């Protein structure tokens, strides 16, 4: 059953990687306006749900199976780290959108004076945590964060978790003065930690 868990983690990694690639390919120059559509949001939610189900099924398979061989344990651990890094992005995005449903459709590439801290904020209202222009670059920071968190947990060094979070917080310190940025930081970080812990848990169950 550990082989099944490995296969499910690989599928989660590939699905998460495709979601990240779709986001990157779909980016437009900041001089243009990018407007999220209802279909994109629904597809992102479905992707997040599928990823959660895949990891949950992997955990169940690892728990129900016999202890894995050393080679299989190492492979499952590597797959768990990869699934945590790439698979967590759509999940975090879906949670942010669910936390701020009224502003999940936001504009990117706004002219000066219409940013999160400006009067009027985004077109149609002030910026919210679902605005992708709040804490830009968070997607790749999140990937690195989840990779580091899962690796520290699997290496038996839980003390590394606060170190990783502290580094992230220091890097974002100047931007966290704005309320939407602080809320996005907290929600995104907690979701990333939970996702990394879930992926690490699959590897721990496979190795028990």
Protein backbone atom coordinates (compact mmCIF):
# COMPACT_ATOMS: atom_id res chain seq x y z
CA UNK A 1 0.00 0.00 0.00
CA UNK A 2 2.96 2.31 0.42
CA UNK A 3 3.42 2.03 -3.35
CA UNK A 4 -0.15 3.29 -3.75
CA UNK A 5 0.62 6.20 -1.44
CA UNK A 6 3.69 6.96 -3.53
CA UNK A 7 1.64 6.94 -6.74
CA UNK A 8 -0.96 9.27 -5.23
CA UNK A 9 1.72 11.70 -4.06
CA UNK A 10 3.27 11.70 -7.52
CA UNK A 11 -0.12 12.49 -9.07
CA UNK A 12 -0.58 15.32 -6.56
CA UNK A 13 2.86 16.69 -7.43
CA UNK A 14 2.16 16.60 -11.17
CA UNK A 15 -1.27 18.19 -10.74
CA UNK A 16 0.16 20.93 -8.54
CA UNK A 17 3.00 21.53 -10.98
CA UNK A 18 0.57 21.86 -13.89
CA UNK A 19 -1.49 24.34 -11.86
CA UNK A 20 1.62 26.43 -11.13
CA UNK A 21 2.62 26.31 -14.79
CA UNK A 22 -0.85 27.37 -15.88
CA UNK A 23 -0.67 30.38 -13.57
CA UNK A 24 2.79 31.37 -14.79
CA UNK A 25 1.96 30.96 -18.48
CA UNK A 26 -1.23 32.93 -17.99
CA UNK A 27 0.53 35.94 -16.51
CA UNK A 28 0.31 39.15 -18.48
CA UNK A 29 2.49 42.28 -18.41
CA UNK A 30 1.73 44.60 -15.53
CA UNK A 31 0.68 47.27 -18.03
CA UNK A 32 -2.37 45.18 -18.92
CA UNK A 33 -5.35 44.25 -16.77
CA UNK A 34 -5.92 40.67 -15.76
CA UNK A 35 -9.43 39.90 -14.59
CA UNK A 36 -10.19 36.57 -12.96
CA UNK A 37 -13.34 34.88 -14.23
CA UNK A 38 -15.77 32.66 -12.39
CA UNK A 39 -14.65 29.61 -14.39
CA UNK A 40 -11.02 30.09 -13.36
CA UNK A 41 -11.98 30.30 -9.72
CA UNK A 42 -14.19 27.21 -9.93
CA UNK A 43 -11.43 25.26 -11.67
CA UNK A 44 -8.95 26.31 -8.99
CA UNK A 45 -11.31 25.16 -6.24
CA UNK A 46 -11.82 21.79 -7.92
CA UNK A 47 -8.05 21.37 -8.29
CA UNK A 48 -7.56 22.14 -4.59
CA UNK A 49 -10.24 19.64 -3.56
CA UNK A 50 -8.70 16.94 -5.76
CA UNK A 51 -5.28 17.59 -4.23
CA UNK A 52 -6.67 17.31 -0.70
CA UNK A 53 -8.40 14.05 -1.59
CA UNK A 54 -5.21 12.66 -3.15
CA UNK A 55 -3.11 13.40 -0.07
CA UNK A 56 -5.83 12.07 2.25
CA UNK A 57 -6.03 8.88 0.19
CA UNK A 58 -2.24 8.58 0.26
CA UNK A 59 -2.28 8.88 4.04
CA UNK A 60 -4.96 6.19 4.26
CA UNK A 61 -3.01 3.87 1.98
CA UNK A 62 0.20 4.39 3.95
CA UNK A 63 -1.58 3.79 7.24
CA UNK A 64 -3.32 0.62 6.05
CA UNK A 65 -0.25 -0.94 4.46
CA UNK A 66 2.66 -2.82 5.93
CA UNK A 67 5.88 -0.95 6.79
CA UNK A 68 7.64 0.05 3.60
CA UNK A 69 11.10 -1.05 2.60
CA UNK A 70 13.93 1.45 3.16
CA UNK A 71 14.04 2.28 -0.56
CA UNK A 72 10.29 2.83 -0.72
CA UNK A 73 10.33 4.92 2.47
CA UNK A 74 12.95 7.23 0.97
CA UNK A 75 11.01 7.53 -2.28
CA UNK A 76 7.76 8.30 -0.46
CA UNK A 77 9.57 10.95 1.59
CA UNK A 78 10.90 12.62 -1.56
CA UNK A 79 7.46 12.48 -3.17
CA UNK A 80 5.94 13.99 -0.01
CA UNK A 81 8.37 16.91 -0.15
CA UNK A 82 7.59 17.48 -3.84
CA UNK A 83 3.82 17.24 -3.26
CA UNK A 84 4.09 19.71 -0.39
CA UNK A 85 5.99 22.24 -2.47
CA UNK A 86 4.01 22.12 -5.72
CA UNK A 87 0.66 20.78 -4.58
CA UNK A 88 0.14 23.34 -1.84
CA UNK A 89 -0.14 26.33 -4.17
CA UNK A 90 -3.67 25.65 -5.49
CA UNK A 91 -4.83 24.75 -1.98
CA UNK A 92 -3.53 28.02 -0.51
CA UNK A 93 -5.07 30.00 -3.37
CA UNK A 94 -8.45 28.32 -2.85
CA UNK A 95 -8.39 29.02 0.88
CA UNK A 96 -7.52 32.68 0.26
CA UNK A 97 -10.38 32.98 -2.23
CA UNK A 98 -12.77 31.33 0.22
CA UNK A 99 -11.65 33.74 2.96
CA UNK A 100 -12.31 36.74 0.72
CA UNK A 101 -15.03 35.67 -1.76
CA UNK A 102 -16.17 39.21 -2.54
CA UNK A 103 -12.79 40.15 -4.03
CA UNK A 104 -11.60 36.89 -5.56
CA UNK A 105 -11.93 38.67 -8.92
CA UNK A 106 -9.27 41.38 -8.88
CA UNK A 107 -7.30 43.48 -11.31
CA UNK A 108 -3.54 43.24 -11.79
CA UNK A 109 -1.30 45.91 -13.29
CA UNK A 110 -3.24 48.80 -11.78
CA UNK A 111 -2.06 52.32 -12.51
CA UNK A 112 -0.23 54.21 -9.77
CA UNK A 113 -2.45 55.37 -6.96
CA UNK A 114 -4.85 52.43 -7.12
CA UNK A 115 -2.84 49.84 -5.18
CA UNK A 116 -3.80 48.13 -1.94
CA UNK A 117 -2.79 51.08 0.19
CA UNK A 118 -4.30 53.79 -2.00
CA UNK A 119 -7.67 55.45 -1.69
CA UNK A 120 -10.22 53.51 -3.67
CA UNK A 121 -8.02 50.42 -3.83
CA UNK A 122 -8.94 47.99 -6.56
CA UNK A 123 -11.57 48.62 -9.13
CA UNK A 124 -14.82 47.83 -7.41
CA UNK A 125 -13.48 48.24 -3.86
CA UNK A 126 -10.45 48.07 -1.63
CA UNK A 127 -7.92 45.29 -1.95
CA UNK A 128 -8.58 42.08 -0.08
CA UNK A 129 -6.64 38.95 0.78
CA UNK A 130 -7.77 37.29 -2.46
CA UNK A 131 -6.13 40.04 -4.54
CA UNK A 132 -3.09 38.44 -6.25
CA UNK A 133 -1.39 41.83 -6.25
CA UNK A 134 -1.15 41.77 -2.44
CA UNK A 135 2.24 40.33 -1.39
CA UNK A 136 3.35 39.67 -4.95
CA UNK A 137 5.76 36.77 -5.40
CA UNK A 138 4.06 34.78 -2.65
CA UNK A 139 3.45 31.76 -4.89
CA UNK A 140 7.14 30.87 -5.25
CA UNK A 141 7.89 31.90 -1.67
CA UNK A 142 5.16 29.48 -0.64
CA UNK A 143 6.69 26.66 -2.67
CA UNK A 144 10.06 27.16 -1.00
CA UNK A 145 8.43 27.52 2.40
CA UNK A 146 6.55 24.23 2.10
CA UNK A 147 9.62 22.42 0.78
CA UNK A 148 11.63 23.62 3.77
CA UNK A 149 8.88 22.85 6.28
CA UNK A 150 8.33 19.30 5.04
CA UNK A 151 12.06 18.62 4.85
CA UNK A 152 12.65 19.79 8.42
CA UNK A 153 9.78 17.67 9.72
CA UNK A 154 10.96 14.54 7.91
CA UNK A 155 14.54 15.09 9.03
CA UNK A 156 13.38 15.09 12.64
CA UNK A 157 14.17 18.75 13.23
CA UNK A 158 10.82 20.40 14.13
CA UNK A 159 12.75 23.36 15.53
CA UNK A 160 13.34 24.33 11.90
CA UNK A 161 9.65 25.20 11.46
CA UNK A 162 9.78 28.46 13.46
CA UNK A 163 13.09 29.29 11.76
CA UNK A 164 11.51 29.03 8.31
CA UNK A 165 8.48 31.06 9.40
CA UNK A 166 10.70 33.69 11.00
CA UNK A 167 12.73 34.10 7.80
CA UNK A 168 9.52 34.50 5.82
CA UNK A 169 8.13 37.01 8.30
CA UNK A 170 11.30 39.11 8.27
CA UNK A 171 11.26 39.20 4.49
CA UNK A 172 7.67 40.47 4.48
CA UNK A 173 7.94 42.71 7.55
CA UNK A 174 7.72 46.02 5.71
CA UNK A 175 4.65 44.90 3.72
CA UNK A 176 2.67 43.58 6.67
CA UNK A 177 1.61 47.04 7.80
CA UNK A 178 -1.38 46.89 5.45
CA UNK A 179 -4.35 44.91 6.80
CA UNK A 180 -4.99 42.85 3.62
CA UNK A 181 -1.31 41.92 3.44
CA UNK A 182 -1.23 40.82 7.08
CA UNK A 183 -4.39 38.76 6.67
CA UNK A 184 -3.11 37.16 3.47
CA UNK A 185 0.21 36.38 5.18
CA UNK A 186 -1.47 34.69 8.16
CA UNK A 187 -3.99 32.68 6.13
CA UNK A 188 -1.45 31.64 3.51
CA UNK A 189 1.20 30.70 6.06
CA UNK A 190 -1.15 28.63 8.23
CA UNK A 191 -2.49 26.81 5.16
CA UNK A 192 1.05 26.11 3.97
CA UNK A 193 2.05 24.75 7.38
CA UNK A 194 -0.97 22.47 7.53
CA UNK A 195 -0.39 21.22 3.99
CA UNK A 196 3.30 20.58 4.62
CA UNK A 197 2.42 18.73 7.83
CA UNK A 198 -0.14 16.57 5.99
CA UNK A 199 2.35 15.62 3.28
CA UNK A 200 5.03 14.87 5.86
CA UNK A 201 2.50 12.75 7.74
CA UNK A 202 2.06 10.49 4.72
CA UNK A 203 5.80 9.77 4.71
CA UNK A 204 5.77 9.15 8.47
CA UNK A 205 2.87 6.68 8.13
CA UNK A 206 4.68 4.85 5.33
CA UNK A 207 7.79 4.53 7.49
CA UNK A 208 6.12 3.43 10.73
